[in-house]
């Protein structure tokens, strides 16, 4: 299947991608809004949250 890429403008550009009928959002772009120099730290903190772990378990 072909990929379809669109962009969303919130406070800054957030990339999205559609592949095989599924929509994906770039969490790195979202994390960059909180910490532009180290977005990986924001993502690591998200991955430790209880709600995130429960969601991933579904």
PDB file of N, CA and C in Angstrom:
ATOM      1  N   UNK A   1       0.823  -1.180   0.000  1.00  0.00           N
ATOM      2  CA  UNK A   1       0.000   0.000   0.000  1.00  0.00           C
ATOM      3  C   UNK A   1       0.872   1.250   0.000  1.00  0.00           C
ATOM      4  N   UNK A   2       0.385   2.288  -0.606  1.00  0.00           N
ATOM      5  CA  UNK A   2       1.118   3.555  -0.667  1.00  0.00           C
ATOM      6  C   UNK A   2       0.962   4.320   0.641  1.00  0.00           C
ATOM      7  N   UNK A   3       1.997   5.039   0.999  1.00  0.00           N
ATOM      8  CA  UNK A   3       1.968   5.875   2.189  1.00  0.00           C
ATOM      9  C   UNK A   3       1.395   7.236   1.827  1.00  0.00           C
ATOM     10  N   UNK A   4       0.578   7.768   2.713  1.00  0.00           N
ATOM     11  CA  UNK A   4       0.059   9.114   2.541  1.00  0.00           C
ATOM     12  C   UNK A   4       0.527   9.918   3.747  1.00  0.00           C
ATOM     13  N   UNK A   5       1.247  10.985   3.513  1.00  0.00           N
ATOM     14  CA  UNK A   5       1.789  11.806   4.599  1.00  0.00           C
ATOM     15  C   UNK A   5       1.114  13.169   4.570  1.00  0.00           C
ATOM     16  N   UNK A   6       0.605  13.575   5.730  1.00  0.00           N
ATOM     17  CA  UNK A   6       0.015  14.908   5.867  1.00  0.00           C
ATOM     18  C   UNK A   6       0.657  15.589   7.068  1.00  0.00           C
ATOM     19  N   UNK A   7       0.438  16.868   7.194  1.00  0.00           N
ATOM     20  CA  UNK A   7       0.991  17.635   8.307  1.00  0.00           C
ATOM     21  C   UNK A   7      -0.133  18.361   9.029  1.00  0.00           C
ATOM     22  N   UNK A   8       0.020  18.495  10.342  1.00  0.00           N
ATOM     23  CA  UNK A   8      -0.925  19.226  11.174  1.00  0.00           C
ATOM     24  C   UNK A   8      -0.172  20.387  11.800  1.00  0.00           C
ATOM     25  N   UNK A   9      -0.757  21.569  11.749  1.00  0.00           N
ATOM     26  CA  UNK A   9      -0.135  22.732  12.379  1.00  0.00           C
ATOM     27  C   UNK A   9      -0.843  22.988  13.705  1.00  0.00           C
ATOM     28  N   UNK A  10      -0.136  22.807  14.804  1.00  0.00           N
ATOM     29  CA  UNK A  10      -0.698  23.077  16.122  1.00  0.00           C
ATOM     30  C   UNK A  10      -0.009  24.348  16.597  1.00  0.00           C
ATOM     31  N   UNK A  11       1.061  24.234  17.360  1.00  0.00           N
ATOM     32  CA  UNK A  11       1.927  25.372  17.632  1.00  0.00           C
ATOM     33  C   UNK A  11       3.128  25.295  16.706  1.00  0.00           C
ATOM     34  N   UNK A  12       3.381  24.119  16.243  1.00  0.00           N
ATOM     35  CA  UNK A  12       4.455  23.866  15.287  1.00  0.00           C
ATOM     36  C   UNK A  12       4.002  22.703  14.414  1.00  0.00           C
ATOM     37  N   UNK A  13       4.800  22.360  13.464  1.00  0.00           N
ATOM     38  CA  UNK A  13       4.456  21.295  12.535  1.00  0.00           C
ATOM     39  C   UNK A  13       4.533  19.927  13.212  1.00  0.00           C
ATOM     40  N   UNK A  14       3.458  19.142  13.126  1.00  0.00           N
ATOM     41  CA  UNK A  14       3.411  17.775  13.630  1.00  0.00           C
ATOM     42  C   UNK A  14       3.146  16.879  12.421  1.00  0.00           C
ATOM     43  N   UNK A  15       4.077  15.985  12.128  1.00  0.00           N
ATOM     44  CA  UNK A  15       3.926  15.116  10.971  1.00  0.00           C
ATOM     45  C   UNK A  15       2.989  13.946  11.282  1.00  0.00           C
ATOM     46  N   UNK A  16       2.216  13.555  10.281  1.00  0.00           N
ATOM     47  CA  UNK A  16       1.373  12.366  10.373  1.00  0.00           C
ATOM     48  C   UNK A  16       1.641  11.510   9.145  1.00  0.00           C
ATOM     49  N   UNK A  17       1.291  10.241   9.255  1.00  0.00           N
ATOM     50  CA  UNK A  17       1.505   9.333   8.141  1.00  0.00           C
ATOM     51  C   UNK A  17       0.376   8.313   8.143  1.00  0.00           C
ATOM     52  N   UNK A  18      -0.080   7.931   6.978  1.00  0.00           N
ATOM     53  CA  UNK A  18      -1.082   6.892   6.851  1.00  0.00           C
ATOM     54  C   UNK A  18      -0.467   5.743   6.069  1.00  0.00           C
ATOM     55  N   UNK A  19      -0.550   4.553   6.656  1.00  0.00           N
ATOM     56  CA  UNK A  19       0.011   3.378   5.997  1.00  0.00           C
ATOM     57  C   UNK A  19      -0.895   2.197   6.287  1.00  0.00           C
ATOM     58  N   UNK A  20      -1.283   1.488   5.249  1.00  0.00           N
ATOM     59  CA  UNK A  20      -2.164   0.324   5.360  1.00  0.00           C
ATOM     60  C   UNK A  20      -3.438   0.647   6.128  1.00  0.00           C
ATOM     61  N   UNK A  21      -4.003   1.818   5.881  1.00  0.00           N
ATOM     62  CA  UNK A  21      -5.252   2.211   6.512  1.00  0.00           C
ATOM     63  C   UNK A  21      -5.124   2.674   7.958  1.00  0.00           C
ATOM     64  N   UNK A  22      -3.925   2.734   8.485  1.00  0.00           N
ATOM     65  CA  UNK A  22      -3.696   3.174   9.869  1.00  0.00           C
ATOM     66  C   UNK A  22      -3.049   4.555   9.847  1.00  0.00           C
ATOM     67  N   UNK A  23      -3.452   5.413  10.772  1.00  0.00           N
ATOM     68  CA  UNK A  23      -2.879   6.752  10.891  1.00  0.00           C
ATOM     69  C   UNK A  23      -1.855   6.767  12.016  1.00  0.00           C
ATOM     70  N   UNK A  24      -0.733   7.426  11.784  1.00  0.00           N
ATOM     71  CA  UNK A  24       0.342   7.537  12.767  1.00  0.00           C
ATOM     72  C   UNK A  24       0.707   8.997  12.948  1.00  0.00           C
ATOM     73  N   UNK A  25       1.042   9.372  14.187  1.00  0.00           N
ATOM     74  CA  UNK A  25       1.465  10.725  14.521  1.00  0.00           C
ATOM     75  C   UNK A  25       2.894  10.644  15.027  1.00  0.00           C
ATOM     76  N   UNK A  26       3.731  11.581  14.639  1.00  0.00           N
ATOM     77  CA  UNK A  26       5.126  11.599  15.063  1.00  0.00           C
ATOM     78  C   UNK A  26       5.223  12.142  16.487  1.00  0.00           C
ATOM     79  N   UNK A  27       5.447  11.251  17.466  1.00  0.00           N
ATOM     80  CA  UNK A  27       5.523  11.701  18.853  1.00  0.00           C
ATOM     81  C   UNK A  27       6.796  12.505  19.111  1.00  0.00           C
ATOM     82  N   UNK A  28       7.810  12.331  18.283  1.00  0.00           N
ATOM     83  CA  UNK A  28       9.025  13.133  18.439  1.00  0.00           C
ATOM     84  C   UNK A  28       8.728  14.601  18.158  1.00  0.00           C
ATOM     85  N   UNK A  29       7.895  14.870  17.150  1.00  0.00           N
ATOM     86  CA  UNK A  29       7.511  16.256  16.858  1.00  0.00           C
ATOM     87  C   UNK A  29       6.744  16.860  18.034  1.00  0.00           C
ATOM     88  N   UNK A  30       5.889  16.078  18.671  1.00  0.00           N
ATOM     89  CA  UNK A  30       5.139  16.560  19.825  1.00  0.00           C
ATOM     90  C   UNK A  30       6.094  16.812  20.994  1.00  0.00           C
ATOM     91  N   UNK A  31       7.006  15.884  21.238  1.00  0.00           N
ATOM     92  CA  UNK A  31       7.961  16.019  22.344  1.00  0.00           C
ATOM     93  C   UNK A  31       8.885  17.215  22.144  1.00  0.00           C
ATOM     94  N   UNK A  32       9.194  17.536  20.905  1.00  0.00           N
ATOM     95  CA  UNK A  32      10.056  18.680  20.608  1.00  0.00           C
ATOM     96  C   UNK A  32       9.447  19.996  21.083  1.00  0.00           C
ATOM     97  N   UNK A  33       8.124  20.042  21.214  1.00  0.00           N
ATOM     98  CA  UNK A  33       7.466  21.256  21.691  1.00  0.00           C
ATOM     99  C   UNK A  33       7.736  21.474  23.180  1.00  0.00           C
ATOM    100  N   UNK A  34       7.945  20.396  23.897  1.00  0.00           N
ATOM    101  CA  UNK A  34       8.216  20.485  25.332  1.00  0.00           C
ATOM    102  C   UNK A  34       9.706  20.683  25.604  1.00  0.00           C
ATOM    103  N   UNK A  35      10.559  19.981  24.851  1.00  0.00           N
ATOM    104  CA  UNK A  35      12.008  20.081  25.051  1.00  0.00           C
ATOM    105  C   UNK A  35      12.681  19.934  23.691  1.00  0.00           C
ATOM    106  N   UNK A  36      12.982  21.044  23.071  1.00  0.00           N
ATOM    107  CA  UNK A  36      13.529  21.037  21.712  1.00  0.00           C
ATOM    108  C   UNK A  36      14.916  20.419  21.630  1.00  0.00           C
ATOM    109  N   UNK A  37      15.689  20.504  22.708  1.00  0.00           N
ATOM    110  CA  UNK A  37      17.059  19.997  22.671  1.00  0.00           C
ATOM    111  C   UNK A  37      17.143  18.492  22.927  1.00  0.00           C
ATOM    112  N   UNK A  38      16.264  17.967  23.768  1.00  0.00           N
ATOM    113  CA  UNK A  38      16.290  16.536  24.106  1.00  0.00           C
ATOM    114  C   UNK A  38      14.882  15.942  24.107  1.00  0.00           C
ATOM    115  N   UNK A  39      14.231  15.817  22.945  1.00  0.00           N
ATOM    116  CA  UNK A  39      12.876  15.251  22.929  1.00  0.00           C
ATOM    117  C   UNK A  39      12.839  13.794  23.398  1.00  0.00           C
ATOM    118  N   UNK A  40      13.969  13.106  23.314  1.00  0.00           N
ATOM    119  CA  UNK A  40      13.992  11.705  23.751  1.00  0.00           C
ATOM    120  C   UNK A  40      13.702  11.576  25.240  1.00  0.00           C
ATOM    121  N   UNK A  41      14.083  12.579  26.037  1.00  0.00           N
ATOM    122  CA  UNK A  41      13.801  12.537  27.474  1.00  0.00           C
ATOM    123  C   UNK A  41      12.308  12.630  27.747  1.00  0.00           C
ATOM    124  N   UNK A  42      11.619  13.448  26.987  1.00  0.00           N
ATOM    125  CA  UNK A  42      10.163  13.568  27.134  1.00  0.00           C
ATOM    126  C   UNK A  42       9.499  12.244  26.790  1.00  0.00           C
ATOM    127  N   UNK A  43       9.928  11.616  25.704  1.00  0.00           N
ATOM    128  CA  UNK A  43       9.344  10.342  25.279  1.00  0.00           C
ATOM    129  C   UNK A  43       9.631   9.256  26.312  1.00  0.00           C
ATOM    130  N   UNK A  44      10.845   9.221  26.858  1.00  0.00           N
ATOM    131  CA  UNK A  44      11.169   8.229  27.895  1.00  0.00           C
ATOM    132  C   UNK A  44      10.244   8.389  29.094  1.00  0.00           C
ATOM    133  N   UNK A  45       9.966   9.634  29.479  1.00  0.00           N
ATOM    134  CA  UNK A  45       9.061   9.867  30.604  1.00  0.00           C
ATOM    135  C   UNK A  45       7.637   9.422  30.277  1.00  0.00           C
ATOM    136  N   UNK A  46       7.164   9.686  29.050  1.00  0.00           N
ATOM    137  CA  UNK A  46       5.838   9.225  28.643  1.00  0.00           C
ATOM    138  C   UNK A  46       5.744   7.710  28.741  1.00  0.00           C
ATOM    139  N   UNK A  47       6.791   7.019  28.312  1.00  0.00           N
ATOM    140  CA  UNK A  47       6.763   5.557  28.284  1.00  0.00           C
ATOM    141  C   UNK A  47       6.748   4.940  29.682  1.00  0.00           C
ATOM    142  N   UNK A  48       7.117   5.708  30.695  1.00  0.00           N
ATOM    143  CA  UNK A  48       7.109   5.216  32.072  1.00  0.00           C
ATOM    144  C   UNK A  48       5.781   5.423  32.780  1.00  0.00           C
ATOM    145  N   UNK A  49       4.906   6.227  32.221  1.00  0.00           N
ATOM    146  CA  UNK A  49       3.636   6.524  32.875  1.00  0.00           C
ATOM    147  C   UNK A  49       2.742   5.291  32.947  1.00  0.00           C
ATOM    148  N   UNK A  50       2.054   5.151  34.050  1.00  0.00           N
ATOM    149  CA  UNK A  50       1.163   4.011  34.257  1.00  0.00           C
ATOM    150  C   UNK A  50       0.103   3.927  33.160  1.00  0.00           C
ATOM    151  N   UNK A  51      -0.480   5.066  32.802  1.00  0.00           N
ATOM    152  CA  UNK A  51      -1.513   5.077  31.762  1.00  0.00           C
ATOM    153  C   UNK A  51      -0.974   4.607  30.414  1.00  0.00           C
ATOM    154  N   UNK A  52       0.250   4.987  30.099  1.00  0.00           N
ATOM    155  CA  UNK A  52       0.861   4.571  28.835  1.00  0.00           C
ATOM    156  C   UNK A  52       1.091   3.064  28.831  1.00  0.00           C
ATOM    157  N   UNK A  53       1.604   2.547  29.929  1.00  0.00           N
ATOM    158  CA  UNK A  53       1.851   1.106  30.034  1.00  0.00           C
ATOM    159  C   UNK A  53       0.552   0.325  29.917  1.00  0.00           C
ATOM    160  N   UNK A  54      -0.505   0.799  30.584  1.00  0.00           N
ATOM    161  CA  UNK A  54      -1.808   0.137  30.484  1.00  0.00           C
ATOM    162  C   UNK A  54      -2.346   0.177  29.055  1.00  0.00           C
ATOM    163  N   UNK A  55      -2.194   1.329  28.392  1.00  0.00           N
ATOM    164  CA  UNK A  55      -2.664   1.466  27.006  1.00  0.00           C
ATOM    165  C   UNK A  55      -1.917   0.496  26.097  1.00  0.00           C
ATOM    166  N   UNK A  56      -0.608   0.415  26.261  1.00  0.00           N
ATOM    167  CA  UNK A  56       0.197  -0.470  25.423  1.00  0.00           C
ATOM    168  C   UNK A  56      -0.169  -1.934  25.660  1.00  0.00           C
ATOM    169  N   UNK A  57      -0.639  -2.255  26.861  1.00  0.00           N
ATOM    170  CA  UNK A  57      -1.049  -3.616  27.178  1.00  0.00           C
ATOM    171  C   UNK A  57      -2.350  -4.039  26.533  1.00  0.00           C
ATOM    172  N   UNK A  58      -3.143  -3.047  26.095  1.00  0.00           N
ATOM    173  CA  UNK A  58      -4.413  -3.376  25.443  1.00  0.00           C
ATOM    174  C   UNK A  58      -4.113  -3.952  24.104  1.00  0.00           C
TER     175      UNK A  58
END
